C-alpha cells in the first residue's frame, strides 16, 4: 500500500512539473528509453538493487549514464531524485500511471475497460459517448481483454470499479443468497 502511495506521489509531482503536451511526450519517451536501458542490463539492475553497495556509488553510476545520453534536465533531475531516495524500482509503475495522471490534469478522465472479447468500434464509440455524458467531459478509454470475464464489462476509474459483467452479477447474487 505504501508503494502505491509513493508511485502516485512521484507521478503527480512529475505531472505538476510539466508545462505542456510536448514536454509530456518528450519526458515520457525519455523515461521509457531510460527504463528500457536499465531493464536490458541485468547486471546494472543487480548492482543498483544491491543493498550493500554504497548509495553514493549508485548515484554516480546513474549520473554517468545520464551524462552519456541526451536527456532533458527535468528527466535527469527526476531520475536522480528517484535514485537518491532509493525509489528507482518504482519507475515502471510511474510510467504506467503517467498518461492517466496527465489526462486528469487536462480534465480528461481515464477508464480502464475490461471485456471478455474485443469490443467492436460501434460499441467503443457508444461506451465513450455514455461515459462522456456521465462525466460531463472528455474521457480516455484503455481497453484490455480479461479472459476470466464471462460476459459484459468491468470499468475502472482510479480506485472505483464498475462491474457490469456476468461474473460480477453472479457474485452479487451469491452474496444476496448468503445474506438471506
C-alpha atoms as a PDB file:
ATOM      1  CA  UNK A   1       0.000   0.000   0.000  1.00  0.00           C
ATOM      2  CA  UNK A   2       2.840   2.361   0.863  1.00  0.00           C
ATOM      3  CA  UNK A   3       4.437   1.616  -2.507  1.00  0.00           C
ATOM      4  CA  UNK A   4       1.242   2.584  -4.372  1.00  0.00           C
ATOM      5  CA  UNK A   5       1.105   5.851  -2.442  1.00  0.00           C
ATOM      6  CA  UNK A   6       4.724   6.608  -3.361  1.00  0.00           C
ATOM      7  CA  UNK A   7       4.054   5.813  -7.021  1.00  0.00           C
ATOM      8  CA  UNK A   8       1.074   8.189  -7.057  1.00  0.00           C
ATOM      9  CA  UNK A   9       3.023  10.954  -5.300  1.00  0.00           C
ATOM     10  CA  UNK A  10       6.037  10.765  -7.596  1.00  0.00           C
ATOM     11  CA  UNK A  11       3.806  10.588 -10.665  1.00  0.00           C
ATOM     12  CA  UNK A  12       1.672  13.511  -9.531  1.00  0.00           C
ATOM     13  CA  UNK A  13       4.762  15.583  -8.747  1.00  0.00           C
ATOM     14  CA  UNK A  14       6.143  14.883 -12.186  1.00  0.00           C
ATOM     15  CA  UNK A  15       2.845  15.778 -13.869  1.00  0.00           C
ATOM     16  CA  UNK A  16       2.644  19.059 -11.949  1.00  0.00           C
ATOM     17  CA  UNK A  17       6.137  19.959 -13.180  1.00  0.00           C
ATOM     18  CA  UNK A  18       5.150  19.533 -16.852  1.00  0.00           C
ATOM     19  CA  UNK A  19       4.068  22.653 -18.713  1.00  0.00           C
ATOM     20  CA  UNK A  20       2.616  21.339 -21.984  1.00  0.00           C
ATOM     21  CA  UNK A  21       1.847  18.332 -24.178  1.00  0.00           C
ATOM     22  CA  UNK A  22       5.189  18.498 -25.971  1.00  0.00           C
ATOM     23  CA  UNK A  23       7.116  18.336 -22.715  1.00  0.00           C
ATOM     24  CA  UNK A  24       4.926  15.437 -21.550  1.00  0.00           C
ATOM     25  CA  UNK A  25       5.606  13.482 -24.763  1.00  0.00           C
ATOM     26  CA  UNK A  26       9.336  14.186 -24.607  1.00  0.00           C
ATOM     27  CA  UNK A  27       9.625  13.244 -20.956  1.00  0.00           C
ATOM     28  CA  UNK A  28       7.539  10.089 -21.406  1.00  0.00           C
ATOM     29  CA  UNK A  29       9.721   8.996 -24.302  1.00  0.00           C
ATOM     30  CA  UNK A  30      12.938   9.722 -22.364  1.00  0.00           C
ATOM     31  CA  UNK A  31      11.769   7.924 -19.218  1.00  0.00           C
ATOM     32  CA  UNK A  32      10.661   4.910 -21.281  1.00  0.00           C
ATOM     33  CA  UNK A  33      14.031   4.845 -23.030  1.00  0.00           C
ATOM     34  CA  UNK A  34      15.868   5.024 -19.712  1.00  0.00           C
ATOM     35  CA  UNK A  35      13.701   2.257 -18.243  1.00  0.00           C
ATOM     36  CA  UNK A  36      14.388   0.057 -21.288  1.00  0.00           C
ATOM     37  CA  UNK A  37      18.098   0.757 -20.927  1.00  0.00           C
ATOM     38  CA  UNK A  38      18.043  -0.345 -17.295  1.00  0.00           C
ATOM     39  CA  UNK A  39      15.941  -3.443 -17.893  1.00  0.00           C
ATOM     40  CA  UNK A  40      18.180  -4.600 -20.735  1.00  0.00           C
ATOM     41  CA  UNK A  41      21.251  -4.615 -18.459  1.00  0.00           C
ATOM     42  CA  UNK A  42      20.593  -7.191 -15.739  1.00  0.00           C
ATOM     43  CA  UNK A  43      23.967  -6.714 -14.044  1.00  0.00           C
ATOM     44  CA  UNK A  44      23.370  -2.993 -13.745  1.00  0.00           C
ATOM     45  CA  UNK A  45      19.978  -3.640 -12.129  1.00  0.00           C
ATOM     46  CA  UNK A  46      21.590  -6.061  -9.693  1.00  0.00           C
ATOM     47  CA  UNK A  47      24.231  -3.508  -8.706  1.00  0.00           C
ATOM     48  CA  UNK A  48      21.617  -0.778  -8.216  1.00  0.00           C
ATOM     49  CA  UNK A  49      19.446  -3.108  -6.123  1.00  0.00           C
ATOM     50  CA  UNK A  50      22.302  -4.492  -4.012  1.00  0.00           C
ATOM     51  CA  UNK A  51      21.811  -3.090  -0.503  1.00  0.00           C
ATOM     52  CA  UNK A  52      25.490  -3.160   0.489  1.00  0.00           C
ATOM     53  CA  UNK A  53      26.631  -1.108  -2.490  1.00  0.00           C
ATOM     54  CA  UNK A  54      27.067   2.499  -1.383  1.00  0.00           C
ATOM     55  CA  UNK A  55      24.342   4.983  -2.255  1.00  0.00           C
ATOM     56  CA  UNK A  56      26.959   7.471  -3.486  1.00  0.00           C
ATOM     57  CA  UNK A  57      28.290   4.909  -5.977  1.00  0.00           C
ATOM     58  CA  UNK A  58      24.765   4.157  -7.221  1.00  0.00           C
ATOM     59  CA  UNK A  59      24.116   7.865  -7.741  1.00  0.00           C
ATOM     60  CA  UNK A  60      27.423   8.238  -9.594  1.00  0.00           C
ATOM     61  CA  UNK A  61      26.567   5.311 -11.892  1.00  0.00           C
ATOM     62  CA  UNK A  62      23.224   6.919 -12.750  1.00  0.00           C
ATOM     63  CA  UNK A  63      24.873  10.311 -13.287  1.00  0.00           C
ATOM     64  CA  UNK A  64      27.384   8.688 -15.655  1.00  0.00           C
ATOM     65  CA  UNK A  65      24.602   7.026 -17.635  1.00  0.00           C
ATOM     66  CA  UNK A  66      22.602  10.254 -17.835  1.00  0.00           C
ATOM     67  CA  UNK A  67      25.671  12.218 -18.949  1.00  0.00           C
ATOM     68  CA  UNK A  68      26.233   9.900 -21.918  1.00  0.00           C
ATOM     69  CA  UNK A  69      22.677  10.281 -23.244  1.00  0.00           C
ATOM     70  CA  UNK A  70      20.899  13.403 -24.427  1.00  0.00           C
ATOM     71  CA  UNK A  71      18.100  13.694 -21.898  1.00  0.00           C
ATOM     72  CA  UNK A  72      16.262  16.803 -20.749  1.00  0.00           C
ATOM     73  CA  UNK A  73      17.286  18.378 -17.448  1.00  0.00           C
ATOM     74  CA  UNK A  74      13.852  17.686 -15.961  1.00  0.00           C
ATOM     75  CA  UNK A  75      14.160  13.999 -16.775  1.00  0.00           C
ATOM     76  CA  UNK A  76      17.679  13.843 -15.313  1.00  0.00           C
ATOM     77  CA  UNK A  77      16.541  15.536 -12.090  1.00  0.00           C
ATOM     78  CA  UNK A  78      13.615  13.143 -11.763  1.00  0.00           C
ATOM     79  CA  UNK A  79      15.772  10.030 -12.235  1.00  0.00           C
ATOM     80  CA  UNK A  80      18.337  11.371  -9.770  1.00  0.00           C
ATOM     81  CA  UNK A  81      15.583  12.094  -7.227  1.00  0.00           C
ATOM     82  CA  UNK A  82      14.339   8.512  -7.561  1.00  0.00           C
ATOM     83  CA  UNK A  83      17.886   7.185  -7.206  1.00  0.00           C
ATOM     84  CA  UNK A  84      18.772   9.379  -4.213  1.00  0.00           C
ATOM     85  CA  UNK A  85      15.632   8.222  -2.407  1.00  0.00           C
ATOM     86  CA  UNK A  86      16.134   4.527  -3.296  1.00  0.00           C
ATOM     87  CA  UNK A  87      12.979   4.562  -5.430  1.00  0.00           C
ATOM     88  CA  UNK A  88      14.329   3.792  -8.901  1.00  0.00           C
ATOM     89  CA  UNK A  89      12.481   0.452  -8.866  1.00  0.00           C
ATOM     90  CA  UNK A  90       9.199   2.444  -8.982  1.00  0.00           C
ATOM     91  CA  UNK A  91       9.954   3.762 -12.478  1.00  0.00           C
ATOM     92  CA  UNK A  92       7.950   1.117 -14.441  1.00  0.00           C
ATOM     93  CA  UNK A  93       4.820   1.752 -12.346  1.00  0.00           C
ATOM     94  CA  UNK A  94       5.287   5.524 -12.591  1.00  0.00           C
ATOM     95  CA  UNK A  95       5.487   5.199 -16.374  1.00  0.00           C
ATOM     96  CA  UNK A  96       2.299   3.149 -16.387  1.00  0.00           C
ATOM     97  CA  UNK A  97       0.392   5.728 -14.314  1.00  0.00           C
ATOM     98  CA  UNK A  98       1.813   8.823 -16.024  1.00  0.00           C
ATOM     99  CA  UNK A  99      -0.563   9.042 -19.048  1.00  0.00           C
ATOM    100  CA  UNK A 100      -3.726   8.821 -16.952  1.00  0.00           C
ATOM    101  CA  UNK A 101      -2.456  11.438 -14.463  1.00  0.00           C
ATOM    102  CA  UNK A 102      -1.524  13.713 -17.371  1.00  0.00           C
ATOM    103  CA  UNK A 103      -5.002  13.287 -18.839  1.00  0.00           C
ATOM    104  CA  UNK A 104      -6.569  14.086 -15.454  1.00  0.00           C
ATOM    105  CA  UNK A 105      -4.562  17.304 -15.282  1.00  0.00           C
ATOM    106  CA  UNK A 106      -6.064  18.254 -18.651  1.00  0.00           C
ATOM    107  CA  UNK A 107      -9.571  17.346 -17.448  1.00  0.00           C
ATOM    108  CA  UNK A 108      -9.759  14.039 -19.322  1.00  0.00           C
ATOM    109  CA  UNK A 109     -10.915  11.065 -17.253  1.00  0.00           C
ATOM    110  CA  UNK A 110      -9.218   7.719 -17.874  1.00  0.00           C
ATOM    111  CA  UNK A 111     -11.180   4.474 -17.694  1.00  0.00           C
ATOM    112  CA  UNK A 112      -9.753   1.005 -17.991  1.00  0.00           C
ATOM    113  CA  UNK A 113     -12.245  -1.186 -19.833  1.00  0.00           C
ATOM    114  CA  UNK A 114     -12.019  -4.950 -19.347  1.00  0.00           C
ATOM    115  CA  UNK A 115     -14.050  -7.256 -21.570  1.00  0.00           C
ATOM    116  CA  UNK A 116     -14.140 -10.970 -22.344  1.00  0.00           C
ATOM    117  CA  UNK A 117     -13.779 -10.347 -26.088  1.00  0.00           C
ATOM    118  CA  UNK A 118     -12.582  -7.365 -28.117  1.00  0.00           C
ATOM    119  CA  UNK A 119     -15.239  -4.678 -28.469  1.00  0.00           C
ATOM    120  CA  UNK A 120     -16.415  -3.574 -31.900  1.00  0.00           C
ATOM    121  CA  UNK A 121     -15.812   0.024 -32.961  1.00  0.00           C
ATOM    122  CA  UNK A 122     -19.518   0.868 -32.654  1.00  0.00           C
ATOM    123  CA  UNK A 123     -19.519  -0.486 -29.089  1.00  0.00           C
ATOM    124  CA  UNK A 124     -16.415   1.523 -28.227  1.00  0.00           C
ATOM    125  CA  UNK A 125     -17.983   4.711 -29.590  1.00  0.00           C
ATOM    126  CA  UNK A 126     -21.219   4.131 -27.669  1.00  0.00           C
ATOM    127  CA  UNK A 127     -19.361   3.409 -24.434  1.00  0.00           C
ATOM    128  CA  UNK A 128     -17.218   6.517 -24.853  1.00  0.00           C
ATOM    129  CA  UNK A 129     -20.296   8.636 -25.582  1.00  0.00           C
ATOM    130  CA  UNK A 130     -22.098   7.373 -22.458  1.00  0.00           C
ATOM    131  CA  UNK A 131     -19.101   7.858 -20.194  1.00  0.00           C
ATOM    132  CA  UNK A 132     -18.517  11.380 -21.532  1.00  0.00           C
ATOM    133  CA  UNK A 133     -22.166  12.125 -20.793  1.00  0.00           C
ATOM    134  CA  UNK A 134     -21.758  10.729 -17.278  1.00  0.00           C
ATOM    135  CA  UNK A 135     -18.534  12.679 -16.628  1.00  0.00           C
ATOM    136  CA  UNK A 136     -19.739  15.808 -18.454  1.00  0.00           C
ATOM    137  CA  UNK A 137     -16.360  15.948 -20.174  1.00  0.00           C
ATOM    138  CA  UNK A 138     -13.895  14.021 -22.317  1.00  0.00           C
ATOM    139  CA  UNK A 139     -12.770  10.514 -21.395  1.00  0.00           C
ATOM    140  CA  UNK A 140      -9.880   8.311 -22.471  1.00  0.00           C
ATOM    141  CA  UNK A 141     -10.566   4.572 -22.654  1.00  0.00           C
ATOM    142  CA  UNK A 142      -7.849   1.976 -22.236  1.00  0.00           C
ATOM    143  CA  UNK A 143      -9.024  -1.474 -23.379  1.00  0.00           C
ATOM    144  CA  UNK A 144      -7.915  -4.861 -22.075  1.00  0.00           C
ATOM    145  CA  UNK A 145      -9.134  -8.410 -22.514  1.00  0.00           C
ATOM    146  CA  UNK A 146      -9.926 -10.285 -19.291  1.00  0.00           C
ATOM    147  CA  UNK A 147     -10.419 -13.979 -20.109  1.00  0.00           C
ATOM    148  CA  UNK A 148     -11.956 -14.555 -16.658  1.00  0.00           C
ATOM    149  CA  UNK A 149     -14.969 -12.409 -17.552  1.00  0.00           C
ATOM    150  CA  UNK A 150     -17.845 -14.483 -18.844  1.00  0.00           C
ATOM    151  CA  UNK A 151     -19.620 -11.581 -20.493  1.00  0.00           C
ATOM    152  CA  UNK A 152     -20.215  -7.878 -20.034  1.00  0.00           C
ATOM    153  CA  UNK A 153     -17.699  -5.263 -18.956  1.00  0.00           C
ATOM    154  CA  UNK A 154     -15.702  -4.185 -15.981  1.00  0.00           C
ATOM    155  CA  UNK A 155     -14.713  -0.495 -15.855  1.00  0.00           C
ATOM    156  CA  UNK A 156     -12.092   1.004 -13.573  1.00  0.00           C
ATOM    157  CA  UNK A 157     -11.534   4.708 -12.966  1.00  0.00           C
ATOM    158  CA  UNK A 158      -8.827   5.159 -10.378  1.00  0.00           C
ATOM    159  CA  UNK A 159      -9.979   3.245  -7.301  1.00  0.00           C
ATOM    160  CA  UNK A 160     -13.589   2.965  -8.477  1.00  0.00           C
ATOM    161  CA  UNK A 161     -14.658  -0.269 -10.156  1.00  0.00           C
ATOM    162  CA  UNK A 162     -17.921  -0.644 -12.059  1.00  0.00           C
ATOM    163  CA  UNK A 163     -18.518  -4.351 -12.585  1.00  0.00           C
ATOM    164  CA  UNK A 164     -21.300  -4.875 -15.119  1.00  0.00           C
ATOM    165  CA  UNK A 165     -20.147  -8.344 -16.070  1.00  0.00           C
ATOM    166  CA  UNK A 166     -21.895 -11.649 -15.735  1.00  0.00           C
ATOM    167  CA  UNK A 167     -19.231 -12.695 -13.236  1.00  0.00           C
ATOM    168  CA  UNK A 168     -19.983  -9.601 -11.135  1.00  0.00           C
ATOM    169  CA  UNK A 169     -23.735 -10.207 -11.311  1.00  0.00           C
ATOM    170  CA  UNK A 170     -23.296 -13.810 -10.211  1.00  0.00           C
ATOM    171  CA  UNK A 171     -21.066 -12.749  -7.304  1.00  0.00           C
ATOM    172  CA  UNK A 172     -23.668 -10.177  -6.213  1.00  0.00           C
ATOM    173  CA  UNK A 173     -26.439 -12.778  -6.454  1.00  0.00           C
ATOM    174  CA  UNK A 174     -24.348 -15.188  -4.350  1.00  0.00           C
ATOM    175  CA  UNK A 175     -23.904 -12.515  -1.653  1.00  0.00           C
ATOM    176  CA  UNK A 176     -27.643 -11.850  -1.608  1.00  0.00           C
ATOM    177  CA  UNK A 177     -28.411 -15.557  -1.223  1.00  0.00           C
ATOM    178  CA  UNK A 178     -25.887 -15.913   1.605  1.00  0.00           C
ATOM    179  CA  UNK A 179     -27.295 -12.865   3.411  1.00  0.00           C
ATOM    180  CA  UNK A 180     -30.753 -14.426   3.178  1.00  0.00           C
END
